[in-house]
Amino acid sequence: MVKVFRLVGIIIFSAILIFCYFLETSKKESNPEQYKVWNKGSILEERDFLCEPPFFEGKSAARISYKYRIYEKPEVRVAVIVDRFNSFIYKHHISDYLIRHEEYHIKLAHVFVKEINQSIKDKNLTFSEANQYLQDRSQRDWQYQLKYDKETNHSLIRAKQNYWEYKIDSMLNKSIVFPLFQETENIEVYFPDKPKNLVVSIDDEKFNGYLLDKYDVKFWIVDMEFNSNDNDTLTIENYLVNILFAMGQSDIIVDANLPYPKAIFESYSQDTVENEVVLDKLLLGKKSTYWLRNRYPIVKENEEVYKRMADQFFNSFKVIDE
């Protein structure tokens, strides 16, 4: 008889625990604070991490939880939903840098949502077809998320964190063209984010351009306002080297091979005051010559990561045929 009462007690206790679990889950699902729909202009904040972190800290100092949700009206589309109640961050690790690492997990998911929604629109998929298409594509997202964490070591390798941010922004903004020098000629150079106006002063002359300072890197393009066809390359080389010396550059190495299309000058130098490597190139447009520059930190490790960003930037320069 005692065993029967004990068994009944265990069953009742287990039932209470299960009931409490479902009650708590139901409360969470109905709480408007739990989910945050991610849009292009969304920002991840410390207050979005509302889950209590695990008692034993593992490899991750934070975790952002998200899921995909399919809407049927007013049109079939997919959205990224941040689950704030299942996202955590350890208080002693909180920093803007760490939160930004987690934010780029969501931005990466948003990249796939953009692609999925474009396919839904192009193929005119129904709700059920879109759901199946999403299931087929979600594995690719998961693989990229794992690769992002592995290559950056959960943000600890700063150079690779910078590169992944550059890469994800490039995927998000690849269809966006920022108009540059459209009044004079049609050229393009790809910035992964909107650049700011830049004015460079040389020998009391001012030249207009654009600058992006992000990812611990600086990208710029400046209209030098001269037709390179009227100048021999040796004159241009001497002119640029003198400018670099005047700017305080050292270890200036001029490359004579010029592998980049439209290039008439390129050099490597160092700014020891700012502790940066400086890569400069003069590239031909139709009516002018443009100075493209990339600056990145002088680092002993992972320098090839910064060079990769520079190569992508320089290779993006093109003259648009009329």
Protein backbone atom coordinates (compact mmCIF):
# COMPACT_ATOMS: atom_id res chain seq x y z
CA MET A 1 0.00 0.00 0.00
CA VAL A 2 2.86 2.38 0.83
CA LYS A 3 4.38 1.70 -2.56
CA VAL A 4 1.07 2.53 -4.23
CA PHE A 5 0.81 5.86 -2.39
CA ARG A 6 4.41 6.63 -3.27
CA LEU A 7 3.78 5.87 -6.95
CA VAL A 8 0.62 8.00 -6.95
CA GLY A 9 2.56 10.83 -5.30
CA ILE A 10 5.27 10.65 -7.95
CA ILE A 11 2.68 10.71 -10.75
CA ILE A 12 0.89 13.72 -9.22
CA PHE A 13 4.18 15.58 -8.68
CA SER A 14 5.27 14.88 -12.27
CA ALA A 15 1.90 16.06 -13.58
CA ILE A 16 2.26 19.31 -11.62
CA LEU A 17 5.74 19.88 -13.06
CA ILE A 18 4.52 19.26 -16.62
CA PHE A 19 1.54 21.57 -16.05
CA CYS A 20 3.82 24.31 -14.71
CA TYR A 21 6.15 23.91 -17.69
CA PHE A 22 3.34 24.27 -20.22
CA LEU A 23 1.88 27.19 -18.24
CA GLU A 24 5.23 28.97 -18.28
CA THR A 25 5.68 28.24 -21.99
CA SER A 26 2.19 29.55 -22.72
CA LYS A 27 2.93 32.76 -20.82
CA LYS A 28 6.14 33.24 -22.79
CA GLU A 29 4.45 32.70 -26.14
CA SER A 30 1.83 35.30 -25.32
CA ASN A 31 4.31 37.85 -23.95
CA PRO A 32 4.84 40.68 -26.45
CA GLU A 33 8.36 41.19 -25.08
CA GLN A 34 9.57 37.81 -26.31
CA TYR A 35 9.84 38.37 -30.05
CA LYS A 36 11.44 41.14 -32.07
CA VAL A 37 10.88 41.23 -35.82
CA TRP A 38 14.18 42.02 -37.53
CA ASN A 39 14.14 44.64 -40.28
CA LYS A 40 16.91 46.33 -42.24
CA GLY A 41 17.19 49.19 -39.75
CA SER A 42 16.98 47.03 -36.59
CA ILE A 43 19.67 47.26 -33.91
CA LEU A 44 20.56 44.58 -31.39
CA GLU A 45 20.80 45.88 -27.82
CA GLU A 46 21.73 44.56 -24.41
CA ARG A 47 18.05 44.51 -23.42
CA ASP A 48 17.40 41.93 -26.16
CA PHE A 49 19.21 39.27 -24.10
CA LEU A 50 16.56 38.35 -21.52
CA CYS A 51 17.46 34.72 -20.82
CA GLU A 52 19.46 33.80 -17.71
CA PRO A 53 22.86 32.47 -18.89
CA PRO A 54 23.83 28.87 -18.09
CA PHE A 55 25.51 28.44 -14.70
CA PHE A 56 28.60 26.90 -16.29
CA GLU A 57 30.07 29.18 -18.94
CA GLY A 58 31.04 27.40 -22.17
CA LYS A 59 32.77 28.68 -25.31
CA SER A 60 30.11 31.29 -25.99
CA ALA A 61 29.93 34.43 -23.88
CA ALA A 62 26.57 35.17 -25.50
CA ARG A 63 23.93 33.55 -27.67
CA ILE A 64 21.33 35.19 -29.85
CA SER A 65 18.30 33.03 -30.60
CA TYR A 66 16.17 33.57 -33.67
CA LYS A 67 13.75 31.76 -35.96
CA TYR A 68 12.05 32.25 -39.30
CA ARG A 69 8.36 33.07 -39.53
CA ILE A 70 6.26 32.90 -42.70
CA TYR A 71 3.48 35.41 -43.22
CA GLU A 72 0.67 34.86 -45.67
CA LYS A 73 -0.85 38.35 -45.73
CA PRO A 74 -0.69 40.89 -47.25
CA GLU A 75 1.70 38.71 -49.27
CA VAL A 76 3.69 35.54 -48.71
CA ARG A 77 6.99 36.47 -47.13
CA VAL A 78 9.54 35.32 -44.55
CA ALA A 79 10.87 37.35 -41.63
CA VAL A 80 13.62 36.86 -39.06
CA ILE A 81 12.29 36.86 -35.50
CA VAL A 82 14.66 37.38 -32.55
CA ASP A 83 13.66 35.29 -29.54
CA ARG A 84 14.70 37.54 -26.67
CA PHE A 85 13.62 35.07 -23.94
CA ASN A 86 16.09 32.47 -25.26
CA SER A 87 18.99 34.87 -25.88
CA PHE A 88 21.60 35.38 -23.17
CA ILE A 89 24.80 37.28 -22.48
CA TYR A 90 27.08 37.01 -19.46
CA LYS A 91 27.19 40.35 -17.66
CA HIS A 92 30.97 40.30 -17.18
CA HIS A 93 31.41 39.93 -20.97
CA ILE A 94 28.97 42.66 -22.08
CA SER A 95 30.50 45.01 -24.66
CA ASP A 96 29.42 46.75 -27.84
CA TYR A 97 31.86 44.53 -29.72
CA LEU A 98 30.33 41.27 -28.46
CA ILE A 99 26.78 42.49 -29.05
CA ARG A 100 27.81 43.47 -32.58
CA HIS A 101 29.12 39.94 -33.17
CA GLU A 102 25.72 38.56 -32.20
CA GLU A 103 23.97 41.18 -34.30
CA TYR A 104 25.82 39.97 -37.39
CA HIS A 105 24.39 36.49 -36.77
CA ILE A 106 20.97 38.08 -37.28
CA LYS A 107 22.16 40.12 -40.26
CA LEU A 108 23.48 36.94 -41.85
CA ALA A 109 20.07 35.32 -41.35
CA HIS A 110 18.54 38.45 -42.89
CA VAL A 111 20.72 37.92 -45.98
CA PHE A 112 19.08 34.54 -46.54
CA VAL A 113 15.63 35.98 -45.89
CA LYS A 114 16.21 38.56 -48.62
CA GLU A 115 17.21 35.81 -51.04
CA ILE A 116 14.25 33.62 -50.03
CA ASN A 117 11.74 36.46 -50.35
CA GLN A 118 13.11 37.34 -53.77
CA SER A 119 12.66 33.72 -54.87
CA ILE A 120 9.13 33.65 -53.43
CA LYS A 121 8.33 36.74 -55.47
CA ASP A 122 10.03 35.57 -58.67
CA LYS A 123 8.47 32.08 -58.54
CA ASN A 124 5.12 33.29 -57.17
CA LEU A 125 5.20 30.60 -54.45
CA THR A 126 2.18 29.79 -52.32
CA PHE A 127 2.34 29.73 -48.52
CA SER A 128 2.94 25.96 -48.40
CA GLU A 129 5.48 26.09 -51.23
CA ALA A 130 7.32 28.92 -49.48
CA ASN A 131 7.37 26.91 -46.26
CA GLN A 132 8.98 23.95 -48.04
CA TYR A 133 11.45 26.23 -49.81
CA LEU A 134 12.40 27.76 -46.46
CA GLN A 135 13.05 24.32 -44.96
CA ASP A 136 15.29 23.46 -47.90
CA ARG A 137 17.29 26.67 -47.54
CA SER A 138 17.59 26.83 -43.74
CA GLN A 139 20.42 24.27 -43.72
CA ARG A 140 22.56 26.66 -45.76
CA ASP A 141 21.96 29.40 -43.20
CA TRP A 142 22.97 27.07 -40.37
CA GLN A 143 26.21 26.10 -42.15
CA TYR A 144 27.14 29.75 -42.67
CA GLN A 145 26.36 30.58 -39.03
CA LEU A 146 28.67 27.79 -37.86
CA LYS A 147 31.40 28.95 -40.25
CA TYR A 148 31.06 32.53 -39.00
CA ASP A 149 31.58 31.44 -35.39
CA LYS A 150 34.38 29.03 -36.25
CA GLU A 151 36.43 31.47 -38.33
CA THR A 152 36.05 34.35 -35.86
CA ASN A 153 36.33 32.04 -32.82
CA HIS A 154 33.10 33.61 -31.53
CA SER A 155 34.50 37.13 -32.21
CA LEU A 156 37.88 36.58 -30.49
CA ILE A 157 39.86 36.86 -33.76
CA ARG A 158 39.26 40.53 -34.46
CA ALA A 159 40.64 40.64 -38.01
CA LYS A 160 38.33 37.83 -39.11
CA GLN A 161 35.42 39.40 -37.25
CA ASN A 162 36.04 42.56 -39.28
CA TYR A 163 36.14 40.57 -42.51
CA TRP A 164 32.89 38.75 -41.76
CA GLU A 165 31.17 42.06 -41.01
CA TYR A 166 32.48 43.40 -44.32
CA LYS A 167 31.33 40.22 -46.06
CA ILE A 168 27.82 40.20 -44.54
CA ASP A 169 27.31 43.91 -45.22
CA SER A 170 28.41 43.29 -48.80
CA MET A 171 25.83 40.52 -49.19
CA LEU A 172 23.13 42.73 -47.70
CA ASN A 173 23.96 45.77 -49.82
CA LYS A 174 25.10 44.09 -53.03
CA SER A 175 22.16 45.50 -55.00
CA ILE A 176 22.65 49.04 -53.69
CA VAL A 177 24.64 51.43 -55.87
CA PHE A 178 25.83 54.65 -54.24
CA PRO A 179 26.11 57.34 -56.95
CA LEU A 180 29.70 58.57 -57.24
CA PHE A 181 30.81 61.45 -59.48
CA GLN A 182 27.76 60.99 -61.67
CA GLU A 183 28.01 64.59 -62.84
CA THR A 184 31.32 63.97 -64.60
CA GLU A 185 31.21 60.35 -65.72
CA ASN A 186 29.72 56.99 -64.89
CA ILE A 187 32.04 55.07 -62.61
CA GLU A 188 31.43 52.61 -59.79
CA VAL A 189 33.47 51.50 -56.83
CA TYR A 190 31.85 49.24 -54.31
CA PHE A 191 31.43 50.37 -50.70
CA PRO A 192 29.69 47.81 -48.43
CA ASP A 193 28.12 50.71 -46.53
CA LYS A 194 27.27 54.29 -47.44
CA PRO A 195 30.46 56.41 -47.59
CA LYS A 196 30.88 59.97 -46.34
CA ASN A 197 32.03 62.94 -48.39
CA LEU A 198 35.79 63.49 -48.28
CA VAL A 199 37.89 66.51 -49.25
CA VAL A 200 41.64 66.01 -49.70
CA SER A 201 43.96 69.04 -49.75
CA ILE A 202 47.17 68.76 -51.80
CA ASP A 203 49.41 71.77 -52.45
CA ASP A 204 46.52 74.07 -51.53
CA GLU A 205 44.27 72.36 -54.06
CA LYS A 206 41.15 70.56 -52.86
CA PHE A 207 39.93 67.30 -54.38
CA ASN A 208 36.56 65.70 -53.72
CA GLY A 209 35.99 62.11 -52.80
CA TYR A 210 34.27 59.58 -50.56
CA LEU A 211 35.42 57.78 -47.42
CA LEU A 212 34.20 54.73 -45.50
CA ASP A 213 35.78 54.18 -42.08
CA LYS A 214 34.57 50.81 -40.82
CA TYR A 215 35.79 47.29 -39.95
CA ASP A 216 39.03 48.84 -38.57
CA VAL A 217 39.74 49.76 -42.20
CA LYS A 218 39.49 52.94 -44.27
CA PHE A 219 38.42 52.97 -47.93
CA TRP A 220 38.52 56.09 -50.04
CA ILE A 221 38.20 57.24 -53.63
CA VAL A 222 39.23 60.76 -54.72
CA ASP A 223 38.79 62.45 -58.10
CA MET A 224 42.28 63.75 -59.00
CA GLU A 225 40.82 65.89 -61.79
CA PHE A 226 43.49 65.23 -64.38
CA ASN A 227 43.48 63.28 -67.62
CA SER A 228 46.23 60.69 -67.27
CA ASN A 229 46.59 60.39 -71.02
CA ASP A 230 48.37 63.76 -70.94
CA ASN A 231 50.96 62.52 -68.42
CA ASP A 232 53.58 59.79 -68.63
CA THR A 233 53.53 57.16 -65.85
CA LEU A 234 56.97 58.17 -64.50
CA THR A 235 55.72 61.71 -63.89
CA ILE A 236 52.64 60.32 -62.15
CA GLU A 237 54.78 57.97 -60.06
CA ASN A 238 57.06 60.79 -58.87
CA TYR A 239 54.05 62.99 -58.14
CA LEU A 240 52.36 60.34 -55.97
CA VAL A 241 55.55 59.37 -54.14
CA ASN A 242 56.16 63.02 -53.22
CA ILE A 243 52.59 63.28 -51.93
CA LEU A 244 53.03 60.15 -49.83
CA PHE A 245 56.26 61.46 -48.33
CA ALA A 246 54.54 64.75 -47.53
CA MET A 247 51.79 62.78 -45.76
CA GLY A 248 54.38 61.13 -43.52
CA GLN A 249 54.36 57.73 -45.19
CA SER A 250 57.42 55.49 -44.89
CA ASP A 251 58.66 52.26 -46.52
CA ILE A 252 57.06 53.30 -49.80
CA ILE A 253 57.21 50.48 -52.34
CA VAL A 254 55.96 51.18 -55.87
CA ASP A 255 54.72 48.15 -57.80
CA ALA A 256 55.52 48.20 -61.49
CA ASN A 257 53.41 45.16 -62.43
CA LEU A 258 50.03 46.89 -62.04
CA PRO A 259 47.73 43.85 -62.21
CA TYR A 260 44.53 45.82 -61.63
CA PRO A 261 42.45 46.88 -64.66
CA LYS A 262 42.79 50.59 -65.46
CA ALA A 263 45.70 50.97 -62.98
CA ILE A 264 48.52 53.42 -63.76
CA PHE A 265 50.12 53.49 -60.27
CA GLU A 266 50.07 51.43 -57.10
CA SER A 267 52.13 51.46 -53.93
CA TYR A 268 52.54 49.98 -50.45
CA SER A 269 53.60 52.14 -47.52
CA GLN A 270 53.22 52.48 -43.77
CA ASP A 271 51.89 55.17 -41.47
CA THR A 272 53.81 54.51 -38.27
CA VAL A 273 51.97 57.28 -36.40
CA GLU A 274 48.56 55.70 -37.01
CA ASN A 275 50.13 52.20 -37.06
CA GLU A 276 48.51 51.40 -40.40
CA VAL A 277 49.46 49.85 -43.73
CA VAL A 278 48.48 52.09 -46.66
CA LEU A 279 47.71 50.75 -50.13
CA ASP A 280 47.29 53.33 -52.90
CA LYS A 281 46.22 52.98 -56.52
CA LEU A 282 45.52 55.41 -59.34
CA LEU A 283 42.84 54.05 -61.67
CA LEU A 284 41.67 55.50 -64.97
CA GLY A 285 38.17 56.69 -65.61
CA LYS A 286 36.89 58.04 -68.92
CA LYS A 287 37.57 61.67 -68.21
CA SER A 288 39.65 61.67 -65.03
CA THR A 289 41.97 59.66 -62.81
CA TYR A 290 40.85 58.34 -59.44
CA TRP A 291 42.91 57.72 -56.35
CA LEU A 292 41.76 54.65 -54.43
CA ARG A 293 43.22 54.05 -50.97
CA ASN A 294 42.91 51.34 -48.36
CA ARG A 295 44.33 51.57 -44.83
CA TYR A 296 44.38 48.72 -42.34
CA PRO A 297 46.14 48.02 -39.01
CA ILE A 298 49.74 46.84 -38.98
CA VAL A 299 49.25 43.31 -37.66
CA LYS A 300 51.52 40.28 -37.32
CA GLU A 301 48.74 37.77 -37.84
CA ASN A 302 45.80 37.62 -40.24
CA GLU A 303 47.12 40.38 -42.49
CA GLU A 304 45.85 38.41 -45.49
CA VAL A 305 42.31 39.00 -44.23
CA TYR A 306 42.72 42.78 -44.52
CA LYS A 307 44.42 42.40 -47.91
CA ARG A 308 41.41 40.41 -49.10
CA MET A 309 39.11 43.30 -48.22
CA ALA A 310 41.44 45.70 -50.05
CA ASP A 311 41.53 43.52 -53.16
CA GLN A 312 37.75 43.29 -53.27
CA PHE A 313 37.49 47.06 -52.96
CA PHE A 314 40.05 47.81 -55.68
CA ASN A 315 38.65 45.16 -58.03
CA SER A 316 35.18 46.68 -57.71
CA PHE A 317 36.25 49.84 -59.55
CA LYS A 318 34.84 50.00 -63.03
CA VAL A 319 33.86 52.50 -65.68
CA ILE A 320 30.26 52.04 -66.81
CA ASP A 321 29.94 51.99 -70.60
CA GLU A 322 27.55 54.56 -71.92
